[in-house]
Each structure stands twice: as C-alpha cells, then as structure tokens.
Amino acid sequence: MAEEQSTSDNETTEKQEELEEKISSYEKLLDRLKKERRHMEEEINRDYRNARRYVRAHPEEGILFSFVGGVALGILIGKLTK
C-alpha cells in the first residue's frame, strides 16, 4: 500500500516537473517573441520615418508613385472582377 502511494507521489512529482519545464519553455518563447516584436516595431517605425522624409524631400516622386500604384491597383481589380 505504501509502495503504491510512493509510486503515485513519484508520478505526480514527475508530471509536475514536466509541467513546470513546459511552462518555463513557454515563458522563454514568449520573452523571445516580445523581444522580436519590439525589434520589428522599431524597424518598421524607422522605415516609416525614412519614407516620410523621402516623400517630403521629393513630393513630385511621391505623387507619381501613388498615381502609378493606384492605376496598377485599378487595373488589377478590374481584371479580377471580370
């Protein structure tokens, strides 16, 4: 009877250790993903600021690119809806 309880306690302890290990692994993964998210946000913000600076310095090109992009998008949507 005592052996069954000891075995049961060992299994419970092993399961709890496995659970704690999985939780630890999950927390490490979350930390890594948060760090990567911050890095991506910084990179996107930097690219956005650079694009705004470029468009302010070259407004004609910005308008031209917008116009060409709009025409291309219009043609693409027109062909897809036929």
PDB file of N, CA and C in Angstrom:
ATOM      1  N   MET A   1       0.831  -1.183   0.000  1.00  0.00           N
ATOM      2  CA  MET A   1       0.000   0.000   0.000  1.00  0.00           C
ATOM      3  C   MET A   1       0.881   1.253   0.000  1.00  0.00           C
ATOM      4  N   ALA A   2       1.925   1.217   0.838  1.00  0.00           N
ATOM      5  CA  ALA A   2       2.840   2.346   0.917  1.00  0.00           C
ATOM      6  C   ALA A   2       3.609   2.506  -0.395  1.00  0.00           C
ATOM      7  N   GLU A   3       3.918   1.383  -1.047  1.00  0.00           N
ATOM      8  CA  GLU A   3       4.636   1.438  -2.312  1.00  0.00           C
ATOM      9  C   GLU A   3       3.775   2.085  -3.401  1.00  0.00           C
ATOM     10  N   GLU A   4       2.457   1.783  -3.415  1.00  0.00           N
ATOM     11  CA  GLU A   4       1.551   2.365  -4.398  1.00  0.00           C
ATOM     12  C   GLU A   4       1.482   3.874  -4.220  1.00  0.00           C
ATOM     13  N   GLN A   5       1.415   4.320  -2.973  1.00  0.00           N
ATOM     14  CA  GLN A   5       1.337   5.755  -2.699  1.00  0.00           C
ATOM     15  C   GLN A   5       2.653   6.418  -3.091  1.00  0.00           C
ATOM     16  N   SER A   6       3.769   5.779  -2.814  1.00  0.00           N
ATOM     17  CA  SER A   6       5.080   6.312  -3.168  1.00  0.00           C
ATOM     18  C   SER A   6       5.201   6.426  -4.691  1.00  0.00           C
ATOM     19  N   THR A   7       4.754   5.398  -5.408  1.00  0.00           N
ATOM     20  CA  THR A   7       4.787   5.418  -6.869  1.00  0.00           C
ATOM     21  C   THR A   7       3.897   6.527  -7.402  1.00  0.00           C
ATOM     22  N   SER A   8       2.719   6.665  -6.804  1.00  0.00           N
ATOM     23  CA  SER A   8       1.784   7.712  -7.208  1.00  0.00           C
ATOM     24  C   SER A   8       2.384   9.091  -6.954  1.00  0.00           C
ATOM     25  N   ASP A   9       3.057   9.260  -5.808  1.00  0.00           N
ATOM     26  CA  ASP A   9       3.693  10.535  -5.481  1.00  0.00           C
ATOM     27  C   ASP A   9       4.822  10.838  -6.477  1.00  0.00           C
ATOM     28  N   ASN A  10       5.586   9.811  -6.850  1.00  0.00           N
ATOM     29  CA  ASN A  10       6.670   9.996  -7.822  1.00  0.00           C
ATOM     30  C   ASN A  10       6.114  10.409  -9.183  1.00  0.00           C
ATOM     31  N   GLU A  11       5.023   9.776  -9.607  1.00  0.00           N
ATOM     32  CA  GLU A  11       4.409  10.111 -10.890  1.00  0.00           C
ATOM     33  C   GLU A  11       3.887  11.544 -10.859  1.00  0.00           C
ATOM     34  N   THR A  12       3.262  11.918  -9.755  1.00  0.00           N
ATOM     35  CA  THR A  12       2.740  13.276  -9.610  1.00  0.00           C
ATOM     36  C   THR A  12       3.882  14.287  -9.653  1.00  0.00           C
ATOM     37  N   THR A  13       4.971  13.976  -8.965  1.00  0.00           N
ATOM     38  CA  THR A  13       6.128  14.861  -8.951  1.00  0.00           C
ATOM     39  C   THR A  13       6.731  14.981 -10.349  1.00  0.00           C
ATOM     40  N   GLU A  14       6.830  13.863 -11.059  1.00  0.00           N
ATOM     41  CA  GLU A  14       7.374  13.884 -12.420  1.00  0.00           C
ATOM     42  C   GLU A  14       6.486  14.695 -13.354  1.00  0.00           C
ATOM     43  N   LYS A  15       5.181  14.517 -13.227  1.00  0.00           N
ATOM     44  CA  LYS A  15       4.257  15.271 -14.068  1.00  0.00           C
ATOM     45  C   LYS A  15       4.343  16.762 -13.766  1.00  0.00           C
ATOM     46  N   GLN A  16       4.471  17.082 -12.477  1.00  0.00           N
ATOM     47  CA  GLN A  16       4.569  18.486 -12.097  1.00  0.00           C
ATOM     48  C   GLN A  16       5.876  19.093 -12.620  1.00  0.00           C
ATOM     49  N   GLU A  17       6.962  18.333 -12.564  1.00  0.00           N
ATOM     50  CA  GLU A  17       8.238  18.825 -13.088  1.00  0.00           C
ATOM     51  C   GLU A  17       8.156  19.029 -14.600  1.00  0.00           C
ATOM     52  N   GLU A  18       7.505  18.100 -15.296  1.00  0.00           N
ATOM     53  CA  GLU A  18       7.322  18.245 -16.742  1.00  0.00           C
ATOM     54  C   GLU A  18       6.500  19.491 -17.049  1.00  0.00           C
ATOM     55  N   LEU A  19       5.453  19.700 -16.259  1.00  0.00           N
ATOM     56  CA  LEU A  19       4.599  20.866 -16.450  1.00  0.00           C
ATOM     57  C   LEU A  19       5.388  22.153 -16.209  1.00  0.00           C
ATOM     58  N   GLU A  20       6.180  22.182 -15.151  1.00  0.00           N
ATOM     59  CA  GLU A  20       6.988  23.367 -14.850  1.00  0.00           C
ATOM     60  C   GLU A  20       8.015  23.613 -15.952  1.00  0.00           C
ATOM     61  N   GLU A  21       8.575  22.543 -16.498  1.00  0.00           N
ATOM     62  CA  GLU A  21       9.548  22.663 -17.592  1.00  0.00           C
ATOM     63  C   GLU A  21       8.873  23.232 -18.845  1.00  0.00           C
ATOM     64  N   LYS A  22       7.663  22.753 -19.131  1.00  0.00           N
ATOM     65  CA  LYS A  22       6.928  23.258 -20.289  1.00  0.00           C
ATOM     66  C   LYS A  22       6.554  24.723 -20.098  1.00  0.00           C
ATOM     67  N   ILE A  23       6.147  25.076 -18.889  1.00  0.00           N
ATOM     68  CA  ILE A  23       5.800  26.467 -18.595  1.00  0.00           C
ATOM     69  C   ILE A  23       7.024  27.357 -18.751  1.00  0.00           C
ATOM     70  N   SER A  24       8.157  26.897 -18.249  1.00  0.00           N
ATOM     71  CA  SER A  24       9.398  27.652 -18.378  1.00  0.00           C
ATOM     72  C   SER A  24       9.767  27.838 -19.846  1.00  0.00           C
ATOM     73  N   SER A  25       9.635  26.782 -20.612  1.00  0.00           N
ATOM     74  CA  SER A  25       9.931  26.852 -22.042  1.00  0.00           C
ATOM     75  C   SER A  25       8.977  27.819 -22.738  1.00  0.00           C
ATOM     76  N   TYR A  26       7.728  27.777 -22.379  1.00  0.00           N
ATOM     77  CA  TYR A  26       6.718  28.669 -22.943  1.00  0.00           C
ATOM     78  C   TYR A  26       7.027  30.121 -22.606  1.00  0.00           C
ATOM     79  N   GLU A  27       7.413  30.382 -21.359  1.00  0.00           N
ATOM     80  CA  GLU A  27       7.751  31.745 -20.941  1.00  0.00           C
ATOM     81  C   GLU A  27       8.975  32.262 -21.686  1.00  0.00           C
ATOM     82  N   LYS A  28       9.969  31.394 -21.904  1.00  0.00           N
ATOM     83  CA  LYS A  28      11.150  31.795 -22.676  1.00  0.00           C
ATOM     84  C   LYS A  28      10.748  32.150 -24.110  1.00  0.00           C
ATOM     85  N   LEU A  29       9.870  31.353 -24.681  1.00  0.00           N
ATOM     86  CA  LEU A  29       9.402  31.606 -26.038  1.00  0.00           C
ATOM     87  C   LEU A  29       8.654  32.937 -26.107  1.00  0.00           C
ATOM     88  N   LEU A  30       7.794  33.199 -25.128  1.00  0.00           N
ATOM     89  CA  LEU A  30       7.062  34.464 -25.089  1.00  0.00           C
ATOM     90  C   LEU A  30       8.020  35.645 -24.973  1.00  0.00           C
ATOM     91  N   ASP A  31       9.035  35.526 -24.119  1.00  0.00           N
ATOM     92  CA  ASP A  31      10.013  36.598 -23.971  1.00  0.00           C
ATOM     93  C   ASP A  31      10.742  36.844 -25.286  1.00  0.00           C
ATOM     94  N   ARG A  32      11.121  35.772 -25.966  1.00  0.00           N
ATOM     95  CA  ARG A  32      11.808  35.906 -27.245  1.00  0.00           C
ATOM     96  C   ARG A  32      10.913  36.558 -28.295  1.00  0.00           C
ATOM     97  N   LEU A  33       9.631  36.186 -28.303  1.00  0.00           N
ATOM     98  CA  LEU A  33       8.688  36.777 -29.253  1.00  0.00           C
ATOM     99  C   LEU A  33       8.449  38.252 -28.949  1.00  0.00           C
ATOM    100  N   LYS A  34       8.372  38.610 -27.668  1.00  0.00           N
ATOM    101  CA  LYS A  34       8.202  40.016 -27.295  1.00  0.00           C
ATOM    102  C   LYS A  34       9.406  40.841 -27.726  1.00  0.00           C
ATOM    103  N   LYS A  35      10.588  40.276 -27.535  1.00  0.00           N
ATOM    104  CA  LYS A  35      11.814  40.969 -27.937  1.00  0.00           C
ATOM    105  C   LYS A  35      11.835  41.157 -29.456  1.00  0.00           C
ATOM    106  N   GLU A  36      11.458  40.130 -30.187  1.00  0.00           N
ATOM    107  CA  GLU A  36      11.414  40.213 -31.647  1.00  0.00           C
ATOM    108  C   GLU A  36      10.365  41.221 -32.104  1.00  0.00           C
ATOM    109  N   ARG A  37       9.213  41.249 -31.418  1.00  0.00           N
ATOM    110  CA  ARG A  37       8.164  42.217 -31.753  1.00  0.00           C
ATOM    111  C   ARG A  37       8.665  43.640 -31.573  1.00  0.00           C
ATOM    112  N   ARG A  38       9.350  43.902 -30.447  1.00  0.00           N
ATOM    113  CA  ARG A  38       9.899  45.250 -30.217  1.00  0.00           C
ATOM    114  C   ARG A  38      10.888  45.623 -31.315  1.00  0.00           C
ATOM    115  N   HIS A  39      11.734  44.657 -31.679  1.00  0.00           N
ATOM    116  CA  HIS A  39      12.719  44.907 -32.734  1.00  0.00           C
ATOM    117  C   HIS A  39      12.014  45.231 -34.058  1.00  0.00           C
ATOM    118  N   MET A  40      10.989  44.467 -34.404  1.00  0.00           N
ATOM    119  CA  MET A  40      10.254  44.704 -35.653  1.00  0.00           C
ATOM    120  C   MET A  40       9.536  46.047 -35.617  1.00  0.00           C
ATOM    121  N   GLU A  41       8.946  46.406 -34.475  1.00  0.00           N
ATOM    122  CA  GLU A  41       8.277  47.697 -34.356  1.00  0.00           C
ATOM    123  C   GLU A  41       9.270  48.835 -34.571  1.00  0.00           C
ATOM    124  N   GLU A  42      10.444  48.731 -33.972  1.00  0.00           N
ATOM    125  CA  GLU A  42      11.462  49.760 -34.142  1.00  0.00           C
ATOM    126  C   GLU A  42      11.887  49.865 -35.607  1.00  0.00           C
ATOM    127  N   GLU A  43      12.066  48.721 -36.250  1.00  0.00           N
ATOM    128  CA  GLU A  43      12.475  48.714 -37.654  1.00  0.00           C
ATOM    129  C   GLU A  43      11.396  49.304 -38.553  1.00  0.00           C
ATOM    130  N   ILE A  44      10.146  48.955 -38.311  1.00  0.00           N
ATOM    131  CA  ILE A  44       9.037  49.487 -39.105  1.00  0.00           C
ATOM    132  C   ILE A  44       8.914  50.992 -38.897  1.00  0.00           C
ATOM    133  N   ASN A  45       9.017  51.436 -37.645  1.00  0.00           N
ATOM    134  CA  ASN A  45       8.940  52.870 -37.368  1.00  0.00           C
ATOM    135  C   ASN A  45      10.079  53.624 -38.046  1.00  0.00           C
ATOM    136  N   ARG A  46      11.275  53.053 -38.020  1.00  0.00           N
ATOM    137  CA  ARG A  46      12.428  53.691 -38.665  1.00  0.00           C
ATOM    138  C   ARG A  46      12.199  53.790 -40.167  1.00  0.00           C
ATOM    139  N   ASP A  47      11.704  52.713 -40.792  1.00  0.00           N
ATOM    140  CA  ASP A  47      11.433  52.735 -42.229  1.00  0.00           C
ATOM    141  C   ASP A  47      10.328  53.734 -42.564  1.00  0.00           C
ATOM    142  N   TYR A  48       9.320  53.806 -41.716  1.00  0.00           N
ATOM    143  CA  TYR A  48       8.219  54.743 -41.931  1.00  0.00           C
ATOM    144  C   TYR A  48       8.732  56.182 -41.885  1.00  0.00           C
ATOM    145  N   ARG A  49       9.570  56.484 -40.883  1.00  0.00           N
ATOM    146  CA  ARG A  49      10.128  57.840 -40.776  1.00  0.00           C
ATOM    147  C   ARG A  49      10.985  58.166 -41.995  1.00  0.00           C
ATOM    148  N   ASN A  50      11.786  57.194 -42.443  1.00  0.00           N
ATOM    149  CA  ASN A  50      12.615  57.415 -43.629  1.00  0.00           C
ATOM    150  C   ASN A  50      11.753  57.655 -44.867  1.00  0.00           C
ATOM    151  N   ALA A  51      10.673  56.916 -45.010  1.00  0.00           N
ATOM    152  CA  ALA A  51       9.777  57.101 -46.157  1.00  0.00           C
ATOM    153  C   ALA A  51       9.128  58.477 -46.111  1.00  0.00           C
ATOM    154  N   ARG A  52       8.707  58.904 -44.932  1.00  0.00           N
ATOM    155  CA  ARG A  52       8.101  60.240 -44.812  1.00  0.00           C
ATOM    156  C   ARG A  52       9.106  61.331 -45.159  1.00  0.00           C
ATOM    157  N   ARG A  53      10.333  61.168 -44.686  1.00  0.00           N
ATOM    158  CA  ARG A  53      11.361  62.159 -45.011  1.00  0.00           C
ATOM    159  C   ARG A  53      11.604  62.215 -46.514  1.00  0.00           C
ATOM    160  N   TYR A  54      11.667  61.046 -47.135  1.00  0.00           N
ATOM    161  CA  TYR A  54      11.912  60.993 -48.572  1.00  0.00           C
ATOM    162  C   TYR A  54      10.790  61.679 -49.346  1.00  0.00           C
ATOM    163  N   VAL A  55       9.542  61.374 -48.975  1.00  0.00           N
ATOM    164  CA  VAL A  55       8.396  61.961 -49.675  1.00  0.00           C
ATOM    165  C   VAL A  55       8.358  63.468 -49.457  1.00  0.00           C
ATOM    166  N   ARG A  56       8.711  63.934 -48.285  1.00  0.00           N
ATOM    167  CA  ARG A  56       8.738  65.377 -48.044  1.00  0.00           C
ATOM    168  C   ARG A  56       9.839  66.051 -48.860  1.00  0.00           C
ATOM    169  N   ALA A  57      10.954  65.363 -49.026  1.00  0.00           N
ATOM    170  CA  ALA A  57      12.062  65.928 -49.793  1.00  0.00           C
ATOM    171  C   ALA A  57      11.796  65.824 -51.302  1.00  0.00           C
ATOM    172  N   HIS A  58      10.996  64.870 -51.736  1.00  0.00           N
ATOM    173  CA  HIS A  58      10.713  64.637 -53.162  1.00  0.00           C
ATOM    174  C   HIS A  58       9.207  64.472 -53.364  1.00  0.00           C
ATOM    175  N   PRO A  59       8.432  65.537 -53.213  1.00  0.00           N
ATOM    176  CA  PRO A  59       6.966  65.388 -53.290  1.00  0.00           C
ATOM    177  C   PRO A  59       6.465  64.958 -54.671  1.00  0.00           C
ATOM    178  N   GLU A  60       7.149  65.385 -55.741  1.00  0.00           N
ATOM    179  CA  GLU A  60       6.693  65.012 -57.082  1.00  0.00           C
ATOM    180  C   GLU A  60       6.776  63.499 -57.282  1.00  0.00           C
ATOM    181  N   GLU A  61       7.871  62.909 -56.848  1.00  0.00           N
ATOM    182  CA  GLU A  61       8.038  61.463 -56.990  1.00  0.00           C
ATOM    183  C   GLU A  61       7.019  60.707 -56.147  1.00  0.00           C
ATOM    184  N   GLY A  62       6.728  61.233 -54.946  1.00  0.00           N
ATOM    185  CA  GLY A  62       5.728  60.590 -54.093  1.00  0.00           C
ATOM    186  C   GLY A  62       4.368  60.568 -54.745  1.00  0.00           C
ATOM    187  N   ILE A  63       3.998  61.683 -55.366  1.00  0.00           N
ATOM    188  CA  ILE A  63       2.708  61.760 -56.058  1.00  0.00           C
ATOM    189  C   ILE A  63       2.706  60.825 -57.265  1.00  0.00           C
ATOM    190  N   LEU A  64       3.808  60.800 -58.015  1.00  0.00           N
ATOM    191  CA  LEU A  64       3.910  59.932 -59.178  1.00  0.00           C
ATOM    192  C   LEU A  64       3.777  58.459 -58.786  1.00  0.00           C
ATOM    193  N   PHE A  65       4.503  58.040 -57.733  1.00  0.00           N
ATOM    194  CA  PHE A  65       4.420  56.648 -57.286  1.00  0.00           C
ATOM    195  C   PHE A  65       3.013  56.302 -56.818  1.00  0.00           C
ATOM    196  N   SER A  66       2.367  57.233 -56.128  1.00  0.00           N
ATOM    197  CA  SER A  66       0.996  56.990 -55.675  1.00  0.00           C
ATOM    198  C   SER A  66       0.057  56.836 -56.853  1.00  0.00           C
ATOM    199  N   PHE A  67       0.211  57.704 -57.855  1.00  0.00           N
ATOM    200  CA  PHE A  67      -0.636  57.640 -59.045  1.00  0.00           C
ATOM    201  C   PHE A  67      -0.436  56.317 -59.786  1.00  0.00           C
ATOM    202  N   VAL A  68       0.810  55.946 -60.026  1.00  0.00           N
ATOM    203  CA  VAL A  68       1.108  54.702 -60.738  1.00  0.00           C
ATOM    204  C   VAL A  68       0.596  53.497 -59.952  1.00  0.00           C
ATOM    205  N   GLY A  69       0.782  53.509 -58.635  1.00  0.00           N
ATOM    206  CA  GLY A  69       0.278  52.419 -57.800  1.00  0.00           C
ATOM    207  C   GLY A  69      -1.234  52.320 -57.866  1.00  0.00           C
ATOM    208  N   GLY A  70      -1.916  53.466 -57.856  1.00  0.00           N
ATOM    209  CA  GLY A  70      -3.374  53.476 -57.945  1.00  0.00           C
ATOM    210  C   GLY A  70      -3.866  52.944 -59.277  1.00  0.00           C
ATOM    211  N   VAL A  71      -3.193  53.350 -60.361  1.00  0.00           N
ATOM    212  CA  VAL A  71      -3.575  52.864 -61.687  1.00  0.00           C
ATOM    213  C   VAL A  71      -3.368  51.349 -61.764  1.00  0.00           C
ATOM    214  N   ALA A  72      -2.226  50.887 -61.283  1.00  0.00           N
ATOM    215  CA  ALA A  72      -1.945  49.443 -61.321  1.00  0.00           C
ATOM    216  C   ALA A  72      -2.964  48.671 -60.496  1.00  0.00           C
ATOM    217  N   LEU A  73      -3.284  49.190 -59.329  1.00  0.00           N
ATOM    218  CA  LEU A  73      -4.278  48.529 -58.476  1.00  0.00           C
ATOM    219  C   LEU A  73      -5.646  48.527 -59.150  1.00  0.00           C
ATOM    220  N   GLY A  74      -6.017  49.629 -59.798  1.00  0.00           N
ATOM    221  CA  GLY A  74      -7.288  49.702 -60.502  1.00  0.00           C
ATOM    222  C   GLY A  74      -7.375  48.699 -61.639  1.00  0.00           C
ATOM    223  N   ILE A  75      -6.278  48.570 -62.401  1.00  0.00           N
ATOM    224  CA  ILE A  75      -6.264  47.596 -63.492  1.00  0.00           C
ATOM    225  C   ILE A  75      -6.389  46.175 -62.943  1.00  0.00           C
ATOM    226  N   LEU A  76      -5.649  45.892 -61.875  1.00  0.00           N
ATOM    227  CA  LEU A  76      -5.678  44.558 -61.269  1.00  0.00           C
ATOM    228  C   LEU A  76      -7.075  44.222 -60.753  1.00  0.00           C
ATOM    229  N   ILE A  77      -7.699  45.144 -60.067  1.00  0.00           N
ATOM    230  CA  ILE A  77      -9.054  44.892 -59.537  1.00  0.00           C
ATOM    231  C   ILE A  77     -10.043  44.751 -60.689  1.00  0.00           C
ATOM    232  N   GLY A  78      -9.867  45.570 -61.730  1.00  0.00           N
ATOM    233  CA  GLY A  78     -10.752  45.472 -62.887  1.00  0.00           C
ATOM    234  C   GLY A  78     -10.670  44.116 -63.553  1.00  0.00           C
ATOM    235  N   LYS A  79      -9.474  43.574 -63.674  1.00  0.00           N
ATOM    236  CA  LYS A  79      -9.314  42.263 -64.306  1.00  0.00           C
ATOM    237  C   LYS A  79      -9.845  41.138 -63.410  1.00  0.00           C
ATOM    238  N   LEU A  80      -9.712  41.305 -62.116  1.00  0.00           N
ATOM    239  CA  LEU A  80     -10.179  40.262 -61.199  1.00  0.00           C
ATOM    240  C   LEU A  80     -11.705  40.204 -61.115  1.00  0.00           C
ATOM    241  N   THR A  81     -12.380  41.335 -61.348  1.00  0.00           N
ATOM    242  CA  THR A  81     -13.838  41.355 -61.206  1.00  0.00           C
ATOM    243  C   THR A  81     -14.549  40.950 -62.488  1.00  0.00           C
ATOM    244  N   LYS A  82     -13.826  40.773 -63.580  1.00  0.00           N
ATOM    245  CA  LYS A  82     -14.464  40.359 -64.834  1.00  0.00           C
ATOM    246  C   LYS A  82     -14.842  38.912 -64.803  1.00  0.00           C
TER     247      LYS A  82
END
